[in-house]
């Protein structure tokens, strides 16, 4: 007789399930745009059957993608069990844009997909193949719950992407789900046998011994976050133009910037690539407010930025003041650089350079880790997450990955979230907005492009003098 199987969710994963509401989703979304290449069909579409075959071949490496939720009777805590009725056709679906499709149409379609809650009676992920993009391209849109996204055996994109253009080879393995315990058995194991205080204390002690660094880091982060937030409470921020009561609808704007442009800004003004991206975003937000007839001098805006810990397994949030009131780009960069330098000195954090030096896909895992770190976004704050990725091109069965975008769920009263992924010499920006609070989020793309252009003009004109000031380097 097969052994019964279930896996209890961590307290953090359980919290991510409980906080989800109709106006606050708890899943992360990714948009990947490919050149159809070898997956193109004669009808100017994409070979969906081949993509389905590839995903089917990789499912054996991704056991968590075939597990669903159950609840412990009375106790209510969720557990994972194998789904005996798993059917890939309920998770991998196909759609099309009116040809020739563009980025705006793709964003509207993705917004509708992201607004729909995941079905909790099935494994908590969905994937859409969207054809019809101009230039012989197609998009893959992946939606995965935060309770699942950063766990081992759940990274679908890492499993199907390759560093070579060779066709994916393999076979579709047989799926043999393990039997789940009955409600009575689950209640007996988790409630009756677990009621003893000594047993609970022993379980916590074992967890601490298994991951002492993670436990210590979590305690430090909570203490530091409380002190930092208390410090800001003494000088509270007012409502920003992006705050309000969240509605059910979202709208996205996407854009891209060459890594070479950000590197040029970094070389001239000093600091890191991370500082250069923050400076560009700060200037773009300033432009956006001015276009909406909002005086940025009167706005007190801060960024909540998840920063990956040195061990690369978790992240914690830091608060960075965004000097949108400063009209000079070089001075804005200096103010931001000083803040991030202090964070790097005080915290054990991983550098963007070390993360992006790899060749395999890791952006989806880092995005999920960052999303889980964003437990609260206070009034006057905007979530900004940067997730470095591989520098060399990746492929899906010979079709080259051209662009990749990550989308964080909005939460609390913040009507705008920003994500930046780097890949193959480019930065890919997503502005995720509540449609009622920020109805013209499409203007963010124009503001970003204008800011990059103006900053490059500044560093070209003043670069030699500023380089001597930078970080003390010659």
Protein backbone atom coordinates (compact mmCIF):
# COMPACT_ATOMS: atom_id res chain seq x y z
CA UNK A 1 0.00 0.00 0.00
CA UNK A 2 1.37 3.44 -0.97
CA UNK A 3 2.37 5.70 1.87
CA UNK A 4 0.10 8.66 2.59
CA UNK A 5 1.56 12.02 1.63
CA UNK A 6 0.95 15.61 2.63
CA UNK A 7 3.15 18.64 3.29
CA UNK A 8 2.23 21.39 5.70
CA UNK A 9 2.56 24.94 4.38
CA UNK A 10 4.86 27.31 6.21
CA UNK A 11 3.28 30.05 8.29
CA UNK A 12 4.35 32.63 5.71
CA UNK A 13 2.81 30.69 2.82
CA UNK A 14 -0.40 30.25 4.82
CA UNK A 15 -0.52 34.02 5.45
CA UNK A 16 -0.21 34.66 1.71
CA UNK A 17 -3.34 32.59 1.22
CA UNK A 18 -5.29 34.34 3.97
CA UNK A 19 -4.60 37.94 2.88
CA UNK A 20 -5.92 37.40 -0.65
CA UNK A 21 -9.10 39.31 -1.43
CA UNK A 22 -11.05 40.28 -4.53
CA UNK A 23 -9.08 43.54 -4.69
CA UNK A 24 -5.79 42.15 -3.46
CA UNK A 25 -4.37 39.22 -5.36
CA UNK A 26 -1.50 37.12 -4.02
CA UNK A 27 0.00 35.80 -7.24
CA UNK A 28 2.95 37.02 -9.27
CA UNK A 29 2.70 37.23 -13.05
CA UNK A 30 5.38 37.08 -15.72
CA UNK A 31 5.26 38.03 -19.39
CA UNK A 32 7.83 36.45 -21.70
CA UNK A 33 7.94 37.48 -25.37
CA UNK A 34 9.56 35.11 -27.88
CA UNK A 35 10.49 35.18 -31.53
CA UNK A 36 8.35 32.33 -32.86
CA UNK A 37 11.25 30.89 -34.84
CA UNK A 38 11.04 27.12 -34.96
CA UNK A 39 7.67 27.18 -33.15
CA UNK A 40 5.98 29.19 -35.92
CA UNK A 41 3.25 27.49 -37.94
CA UNK A 42 2.32 27.92 -41.59
CA UNK A 43 -0.81 29.80 -40.52
CA UNK A 44 1.35 32.52 -38.87
CA UNK A 45 0.58 31.12 -35.43
CA UNK A 46 2.56 29.21 -32.83
CA UNK A 47 2.81 25.44 -32.34
CA UNK A 48 0.80 25.16 -29.13
CA UNK A 49 0.84 21.36 -29.19
CA UNK A 50 4.66 21.37 -29.18
CA UNK A 51 4.75 23.76 -26.22
CA UNK A 52 2.29 21.55 -24.38
CA UNK A 53 4.54 18.55 -25.09
CA UNK A 54 7.57 20.40 -23.68
CA UNK A 55 5.74 21.36 -20.50
CA UNK A 56 4.49 17.77 -20.13
CA UNK A 57 8.04 16.45 -20.43
CA UNK A 58 9.27 18.80 -17.70
CA UNK A 59 6.45 18.19 -15.20
CA UNK A 60 8.32 15.24 -13.69
CA UNK A 61 10.98 17.76 -12.54
CA UNK A 62 8.29 20.02 -11.07
CA UNK A 63 6.33 17.96 -8.55
CA UNK A 64 4.88 20.99 -6.78
CA UNK A 65 3.03 22.02 -9.92
CA UNK A 66 0.80 18.95 -9.48
CA UNK A 67 -0.07 19.56 -5.83
CA UNK A 68 -3.20 21.25 -4.56
CA UNK A 69 -4.45 22.57 -1.23
CA UNK A 70 -6.29 20.76 1.54
CA UNK A 71 -7.26 22.08 4.97
CA UNK A 72 -6.72 20.42 8.32
CA UNK A 73 -10.22 19.92 9.85
CA UNK A 74 -11.02 22.38 12.67
CA UNK A 75 -7.44 23.67 12.74
CA UNK A 76 -7.81 25.13 9.21
CA UNK A 77 -4.08 25.17 8.39
CA UNK A 78 -3.43 24.39 4.69
CA UNK A 79 -1.37 21.44 3.45
CA UNK A 80 -0.16 20.35 0.01
CA UNK A 81 -1.35 17.01 -1.39
CA UNK A 82 -0.85 15.41 -4.79
CA UNK A 83 -3.74 16.16 -7.13
CA UNK A 84 -5.04 12.80 -8.44
CA UNK A 85 -7.15 14.59 -11.06
CA UNK A 86 -4.41 16.86 -12.41
CA UNK A 87 -5.08 17.89 -16.02
CA UNK A 88 -2.57 20.11 -17.80
CA UNK A 89 -5.28 21.50 -20.09
CA UNK A 90 -6.75 23.41 -17.13
CA UNK A 91 -3.40 25.16 -16.54
CA UNK A 92 -1.92 25.64 -20.01
CA UNK A 93 -4.20 27.60 -22.34
CA UNK A 94 -4.04 29.40 -25.67
CA UNK A 95 -5.26 32.80 -26.82
CA UNK A 96 -4.59 35.28 -29.60
CA UNK A 97 -4.39 39.03 -30.14
CA UNK A 98 -5.97 40.69 -33.17
CA UNK A 99 -3.12 40.74 -35.70
CA UNK A 100 -0.81 42.55 -35.79
CA UNK A 101 -0.81 42.66 -32.00
CA UNK A 102 1.17 45.26 -30.06
CA UNK A 103 2.39 45.76 -26.50
CA UNK A 104 -0.68 47.74 -25.45
CA UNK A 105 -3.01 44.93 -26.50
CA UNK A 106 -0.80 42.39 -24.76
CA UNK A 107 -0.86 44.45 -21.55
CA UNK A 108 -4.67 44.68 -21.61
CA UNK A 109 -4.99 40.94 -22.16
CA UNK A 110 -2.48 40.18 -19.40
CA UNK A 111 -4.31 42.54 -17.03
CA UNK A 112 -7.50 40.52 -17.49
CA UNK A 113 -5.61 37.26 -16.92
CA UNK A 114 -3.87 38.61 -13.81
CA UNK A 115 -7.15 39.94 -12.35
CA UNK A 116 -8.69 36.46 -12.24
CA UNK A 117 -8.07 34.52 -9.00
CA UNK A 118 -6.40 31.13 -9.18
CA UNK A 119 -8.71 28.17 -8.66
CA UNK A 120 -7.89 26.78 -5.20
CA UNK A 121 -9.38 23.41 -6.01
CA UNK A 122 -6.45 22.88 -8.42
CA UNK A 123 -2.67 23.53 -8.31
CA UNK A 124 -2.09 27.27 -7.94
CA UNK A 125 -0.70 28.24 -11.33
CA UNK A 126 -1.85 29.08 -14.85
CA UNK A 127 0.06 29.57 -18.10
CA UNK A 128 -1.22 31.22 -21.28
CA UNK A 129 0.34 31.14 -24.76
CA UNK A 130 -0.71 34.30 -26.62
CA UNK A 131 -0.02 34.47 -30.35
CA UNK A 132 -0.61 37.26 -32.85
CA UNK A 133 2.11 39.71 -31.80
CA UNK A 134 3.61 41.67 -34.67
CA UNK A 135 6.96 40.63 -36.08
CA UNK A 136 6.29 36.90 -35.80
CA UNK A 137 6.36 36.90 -32.00
CA UNK A 138 4.29 35.27 -29.28
CA UNK A 139 3.98 35.71 -25.53
CA UNK A 140 3.94 33.32 -22.59
CA UNK A 141 2.07 34.64 -19.53
CA UNK A 142 2.65 32.71 -16.31
CA UNK A 143 0.61 33.28 -13.15
CA UNK A 144 1.70 31.61 -9.91
CA UNK A 145 0.61 32.05 -6.29
CA UNK A 146 3.14 33.43 -3.82
CA UNK A 147 2.53 30.42 -1.58
CA UNK A 148 4.02 28.25 -4.33
CA UNK A 149 6.25 30.43 -6.49
CA UNK A 150 9.61 30.34 -4.69
CA UNK A 151 9.52 26.67 -3.61
CA UNK A 152 11.84 24.05 -5.06
CA UNK A 153 10.20 22.06 -7.82
CA UNK A 154 7.90 24.89 -8.95
CA UNK A 155 9.99 26.99 -11.38
CA UNK A 156 8.37 26.14 -14.70
CA UNK A 157 10.30 28.76 -16.69
CA UNK A 158 13.66 27.54 -15.44
CA UNK A 159 12.72 24.02 -16.52
CA UNK A 160 11.62 24.85 -20.08
CA UNK A 161 14.19 27.54 -20.99
CA UNK A 162 17.63 26.63 -22.31
CA UNK A 163 20.89 28.42 -23.07
CA UNK A 164 21.03 26.75 -26.49
CA UNK A 165 18.71 26.82 -29.49
CA UNK A 166 18.62 23.03 -29.66
CA UNK A 167 15.21 21.33 -29.62
CA UNK A 168 14.00 20.08 -26.25
CA UNK A 169 14.32 16.32 -25.96
CA UNK A 170 12.84 13.92 -23.45
CA UNK A 171 9.84 11.79 -22.76
CA UNK A 172 6.58 12.30 -20.92
CA UNK A 173 6.79 10.38 -17.67
CA UNK A 174 3.92 8.61 -16.00
CA UNK A 175 2.26 10.51 -13.18
CA UNK A 176 1.57 8.45 -10.06
CA UNK A 177 0.01 10.68 -7.38
CA UNK A 178 0.53 9.56 -3.81
CA UNK A 179 -2.65 9.03 -1.79
CA UNK A 180 -3.63 11.85 0.52
CA UNK A 181 -4.76 11.31 4.10
CA UNK A 182 -8.46 11.36 4.83
CA UNK A 183 -9.84 14.27 6.85
CA UNK A 184 -9.85 12.05 9.95
CA UNK A 185 -6.23 11.03 9.43
CA UNK A 186 -5.19 14.63 8.80
CA UNK A 187 -6.98 15.78 11.95
CA UNK A 188 -5.35 13.02 13.99
CA UNK A 189 -1.83 13.80 12.78
CA UNK A 190 -1.99 17.59 12.93
CA UNK A 191 -4.40 18.31 15.79
CA UNK A 192 -4.61 15.39 18.19
CA UNK A 193 -0.94 14.43 18.02
CA UNK A 194 0.23 18.01 17.78
CA UNK A 195 -1.62 19.58 20.69
CA UNK A 196 1.19 19.00 23.20
CA UNK A 197 3.16 22.21 24.03
CA UNK A 198 6.36 20.20 24.35
CA UNK A 199 5.92 18.78 20.82
CA UNK A 200 5.27 22.21 19.36
CA UNK A 201 8.35 23.58 21.12
CA UNK A 202 10.44 20.67 19.81
CA UNK A 203 9.19 21.26 16.24
CA UNK A 204 10.18 24.92 16.39
CA UNK A 205 13.59 23.96 17.78
CA UNK A 206 14.18 21.51 14.93
CA UNK A 207 13.18 24.16 12.37
CA UNK A 208 15.62 26.61 13.94
CA UNK A 209 18.45 24.07 13.84
CA UNK A 210 17.75 23.29 10.19
CA UNK A 211 17.79 26.94 9.10
CA UNK A 212 19.52 28.98 11.81
CA UNK A 213 20.73 31.69 9.44
CA UNK A 214 17.26 32.22 7.99
CA UNK A 215 15.68 32.41 11.46
CA UNK A 216 18.26 34.90 12.73
CA UNK A 217 17.96 37.00 9.58
CA UNK A 218 14.16 37.05 9.85
CA UNK A 219 14.33 38.24 13.46
CA UNK A 220 16.89 40.92 12.53
CA UNK A 221 14.82 42.08 9.58
CA UNK A 222 11.64 42.34 11.65
CA UNK A 223 13.41 44.34 14.35
CA UNK A 224 15.17 46.57 11.86
CA UNK A 225 11.99 47.09 9.86
CA UNK A 226 10.04 48.04 12.96
CA UNK A 227 12.69 50.56 14.02
CA UNK A 228 12.91 51.98 10.52
CA UNK A 229 9.18 52.33 10.19
CA UNK A 230 8.94 53.84 13.68
CA UNK A 231 11.56 56.38 12.64
CA UNK A 232 9.43 57.35 9.68
CA UNK A 233 6.34 57.41 11.85
CA UNK A 234 7.88 60.37 13.65
CA UNK A 235 7.80 62.15 10.29
CA UNK A 236 4.94 60.39 8.52
CA UNK A 237 4.47 60.61 4.79
CA UNK A 238 1.32 62.08 3.35
CA UNK A 239 -0.78 60.45 0.69
CA UNK A 240 1.01 60.29 -2.63
CA UNK A 241 -0.73 60.73 -6.00
CA UNK A 242 -0.65 56.92 -6.29
CA UNK A 243 -2.50 56.12 -3.04
CA UNK A 244 -6.16 55.34 -2.43
CA UNK A 245 -8.66 52.53 -2.03
CA UNK A 246 -7.75 49.72 -4.41
CA UNK A 247 -10.34 48.57 -6.92
CA UNK A 248 -10.54 45.22 -8.73
CA UNK A 249 -9.07 46.38 -12.06
CA UNK A 250 -5.42 46.74 -13.10
CA UNK A 251 -3.59 48.25 -16.05
CA UNK A 252 0.01 47.71 -17.10
CA UNK A 253 2.61 49.67 -19.03
CA UNK A 254 5.87 48.08 -20.13
CA UNK A 255 9.12 49.54 -21.42
CA UNK A 256 12.76 48.62 -21.88
CA UNK A 257 16.11 50.36 -21.49
CA UNK A 258 19.51 49.24 -22.74
CA UNK A 259 21.96 48.15 -20.04
CA UNK A 260 24.63 50.18 -21.84
CA UNK A 261 22.67 53.38 -21.15
CA UNK A 262 22.45 52.62 -17.41
CA UNK A 263 26.13 51.67 -17.35
CA UNK A 264 27.02 55.01 -18.90
CA UNK A 265 25.05 56.81 -16.19
CA UNK A 266 26.75 54.72 -13.51
CA UNK A 267 30.25 55.40 -14.88
CA UNK A 268 29.65 59.13 -14.97
CA UNK A 269 27.73 59.63 -11.72
CA UNK A 270 29.17 56.80 -9.60
CA UNK A 271 27.32 54.21 -7.56
CA UNK A 272 25.89 50.94 -8.85
CA UNK A 273 23.61 49.87 -11.68
CA UNK A 274 20.87 49.60 -9.05
CA UNK A 275 21.41 53.29 -8.24
CA UNK A 276 21.17 54.19 -11.92
CA UNK A 277 17.84 52.38 -12.31
CA UNK A 278 16.44 54.06 -9.18
CA UNK A 279 17.53 57.47 -10.49
CA UNK A 280 15.80 56.86 -13.83
CA UNK A 281 12.60 55.76 -12.07
CA UNK A 282 12.68 58.71 -9.69
CA UNK A 283 12.99 61.12 -12.60
CA UNK A 284 10.23 59.33 -14.54
CA UNK A 285 7.86 59.57 -11.55
CA UNK A 286 8.69 63.27 -11.24
CA UNK A 287 7.88 63.83 -14.93
CA UNK A 288 4.66 61.84 -14.64
CA UNK A 289 3.49 64.00 -11.73
CA UNK A 290 4.35 67.24 -13.51
CA UNK A 291 2.36 66.11 -16.57
CA UNK A 292 -0.61 65.51 -14.25
CA UNK A 293 -0.21 69.05 -12.88
CA UNK A 294 1.07 67.81 -9.52
CA UNK A 295 3.93 69.77 -7.98
CA UNK A 296 6.59 67.15 -7.00
CA UNK A 297 8.02 69.56 -4.43
CA UNK A 298 4.91 68.94 -2.34
CA UNK A 299 5.15 65.13 -2.59
CA UNK A 300 6.93 63.02 0.02
CA UNK A 301 7.45 59.69 -1.76
CA UNK A 302 9.44 56.64 -0.65
CA UNK A 303 10.32 53.33 -2.28
CA UNK A 304 9.95 49.97 -0.56
CA UNK A 305 12.66 47.88 -2.18
CA UNK A 306 13.16 44.16 -1.48
CA UNK A 307 16.88 43.39 -1.24
CA UNK A 308 18.20 39.86 -1.59
CA UNK A 309 20.12 38.58 1.43
CA UNK A 310 23.71 37.50 1.07
CA UNK A 311 22.78 33.80 1.03
CA UNK A 312 20.37 34.39 -1.87
CA UNK A 313 17.55 32.45 -0.17
CA UNK A 314 15.41 35.29 1.22
CA UNK A 315 14.96 39.03 1.00
CA UNK A 316 14.15 41.91 3.29
CA UNK A 317 12.76 45.36 2.54
CA UNK A 318 14.53 48.68 2.82
CA UNK A 319 12.98 52.13 2.66
CA UNK A 320 14.57 54.62 0.25
CA UNK A 321 13.44 58.22 -0.01
CA UNK A 322 12.78 59.20 -3.61
CA UNK A 323 13.88 62.84 -4.12
CA UNK A 324 11.22 63.65 -6.72
CA UNK A 325 11.37 67.25 -5.51
CA UNK A 326 14.94 67.62 -6.86
CA UNK A 327 14.94 68.93 -10.43
CA UNK A 328 18.60 68.13 -11.25
CA UNK A 329 19.28 64.54 -12.27
CA UNK A 330 22.87 64.42 -10.99
CA UNK A 331 21.79 65.62 -7.54
CA UNK A 332 18.93 63.09 -7.45
CA UNK A 333 21.42 60.35 -8.25
CA UNK A 334 23.75 61.48 -5.48
CA UNK A 335 20.97 61.45 -2.89
CA UNK A 336 19.88 57.96 -3.90
CA UNK A 337 23.46 56.65 -4.11
CA UNK A 338 24.20 57.78 -0.57
CA UNK A 339 21.15 55.93 0.76
CA UNK A 340 21.87 52.65 -1.06
CA UNK A 341 25.55 52.79 -0.09
CA UNK A 342 24.54 53.02 3.55
CA UNK A 343 22.20 50.05 3.12
CA UNK A 344 24.97 47.94 1.56
CA UNK A 345 27.33 48.78 4.43
CA UNK A 346 24.78 48.04 7.15
CA UNK A 347 23.20 44.90 5.65
CA UNK A 348 24.47 41.60 4.35
CA UNK A 349 23.04 41.85 0.85
CA UNK A 350 23.78 40.19 -2.47
CA UNK A 351 25.02 42.48 -5.24
CA UNK A 352 23.24 42.68 -8.57
CA UNK A 353 26.49 41.86 -10.35
CA UNK A 354 26.88 38.51 -8.58
CA UNK A 355 23.28 37.52 -9.25
CA UNK A 356 23.28 38.38 -12.95
CA UNK A 357 26.56 36.62 -13.73
CA UNK A 358 24.81 33.24 -14.08
CA UNK A 359 23.58 31.69 -17.32
CA UNK A 360 20.42 29.93 -16.13
CA UNK A 361 17.01 31.49 -15.66
CA UNK A 362 16.52 32.70 -12.07
CA UNK A 363 14.34 35.78 -12.46
CA UNK A 364 11.05 34.08 -11.57
CA UNK A 365 12.44 32.72 -8.27
CA UNK A 366 13.97 36.09 -7.35
CA UNK A 367 10.72 37.84 -8.25
CA UNK A 368 8.79 35.49 -5.96
CA UNK A 369 11.27 35.97 -3.11
CA UNK A 370 10.96 39.74 -3.45
CA UNK A 371 7.17 39.60 -3.63
CA UNK A 372 7.01 37.57 -0.41
CA UNK A 373 9.26 40.12 1.32
CA UNK A 374 6.75 42.89 0.55
CA UNK A 375 4.49 42.30 3.51
CA UNK A 376 3.25 45.89 3.76
CA UNK A 377 3.31 49.01 1.58
CA UNK A 378 2.42 52.05 3.66
CA UNK A 379 0.79 55.28 2.51
CA UNK A 380 3.26 57.43 0.61
CA UNK A 381 5.31 54.40 -0.47
CA UNK A 382 5.74 52.67 -3.85
CA UNK A 383 7.03 49.10 -4.19
CA UNK A 384 10.02 48.90 -6.54
CA UNK A 385 11.57 45.48 -7.15
CA UNK A 386 14.68 44.83 -9.24
CA UNK A 387 15.41 41.23 -10.23
CA UNK A 388 18.63 40.58 -12.16
CA UNK A 389 18.68 37.77 -14.68
CA UNK A 390 21.07 36.04 -17.08
CA UNK A 391 23.13 38.05 -19.52
CA UNK A 392 23.05 35.63 -22.43
CA UNK A 393 20.01 34.78 -24.60
CA UNK A 394 17.68 31.93 -23.61
CA UNK A 395 15.51 29.75 -25.83
CA UNK A 396 12.30 27.74 -25.76
CA UNK A 397 12.80 24.84 -28.16
CA UNK A 398 14.84 27.10 -30.46
CA UNK A 399 12.58 30.17 -30.14
CA UNK A 400 14.62 33.02 -28.67
CA UNK A 401 13.39 34.85 -25.59
CA UNK A 402 13.35 38.55 -26.53
CA UNK A 403 11.72 40.31 -23.58
CA UNK A 404 10.69 39.39 -20.02
CA UNK A 405 8.54 41.32 -17.55
CA UNK A 406 7.51 40.62 -13.95
CA UNK A 407 4.35 41.90 -12.26
CA UNK A 408 3.88 42.28 -8.51
CA UNK A 409 0.39 42.27 -6.98
CA UNK A 410 -0.74 45.61 -5.54
CA UNK A 411 -1.51 45.72 -1.84
CA UNK A 412 -2.68 47.99 0.99
CA UNK A 413 -3.44 51.49 -0.36
CA UNK A 414 -0.65 51.67 -2.95
CA UNK A 415 -2.04 51.99 -6.47
CA UNK A 416 1.30 51.65 -8.27
CA UNK A 417 3.98 48.96 -8.24
CA UNK A 418 7.15 48.87 -10.35
CA UNK A 419 9.23 45.86 -11.36
CA UNK A 420 12.53 45.85 -13.24
CA UNK A 421 14.01 42.64 -14.69
CA UNK A 422 17.37 42.52 -16.43
CA UNK A 423 18.10 40.07 -19.21
CA UNK A 424 20.53 39.84 -22.14
CA UNK A 425 21.74 43.44 -22.00
CA UNK A 426 18.40 45.14 -21.33
CA UNK A 427 16.24 46.26 -18.43
CA UNK A 428 12.52 45.50 -18.71
CA UNK A 429 10.20 47.78 -16.73
CA UNK A 430 6.59 47.12 -15.71
CA UNK A 431 4.31 49.72 -14.15
CA UNK A 432 1.36 47.94 -12.52
CA UNK A 433 -1.42 50.37 -11.59
CA UNK A 434 -4.91 50.40 -10.18
CA UNK A 435 -7.00 51.55 -13.13
CA UNK A 436 -9.04 53.99 -11.02
CA UNK A 437 -6.16 55.52 -9.06
CA UNK A 438 -3.68 55.80 -11.95
CA UNK A 439 -5.84 55.81 -15.06
CA UNK A 440 -3.10 57.03 -17.42
CA UNK A 441 -0.29 54.62 -16.52
CA UNK A 442 0.62 54.41 -20.21
CA UNK A 443 2.25 57.83 -19.85
CA UNK A 444 4.84 56.24 -17.57
CA UNK A 445 6.49 54.72 -20.62
CA UNK A 446 6.88 58.14 -22.26
CA UNK A 447 8.17 59.62 -18.99
CA UNK A 448 10.73 56.82 -18.64
CA UNK A 449 11.99 57.21 -22.21
CA UNK A 450 12.29 60.99 -21.82
CA UNK A 451 14.17 60.63 -18.53
CA UNK A 452 16.71 58.21 -19.98
CA UNK A 453 17.30 60.50 -22.97
CA UNK A 454 17.82 63.56 -20.77
CA UNK A 455 20.10 61.74 -18.33
CA UNK A 456 22.30 60.50 -21.16
CA UNK A 457 22.54 64.08 -22.41
CA UNK A 458 23.60 65.21 -18.93
CA UNK A 459 26.33 62.58 -18.51
CA UNK A 460 27.58 63.17 -22.05
CA UNK A 461 27.97 66.89 -21.34
CA UNK A 462 29.32 66.65 -17.78
CA UNK A 463 30.69 63.10 -17.70
CA UNK A 464 34.44 63.78 -17.37
CA UNK A 465 33.99 66.17 -14.45
CA UNK A 466 31.48 63.93 -12.69
CA UNK A 467 33.62 60.83 -13.07
CA UNK A 468 36.28 62.38 -10.87
CA UNK A 469 33.68 62.96 -8.19
CA UNK A 470 32.02 59.48 -8.42
CA UNK A 471 33.32 56.96 -5.88
CA UNK A 472 36.78 58.28 -5.51
CA UNK A 473 38.05 56.30 -8.48
CA UNK A 474 40.19 57.76 -11.19
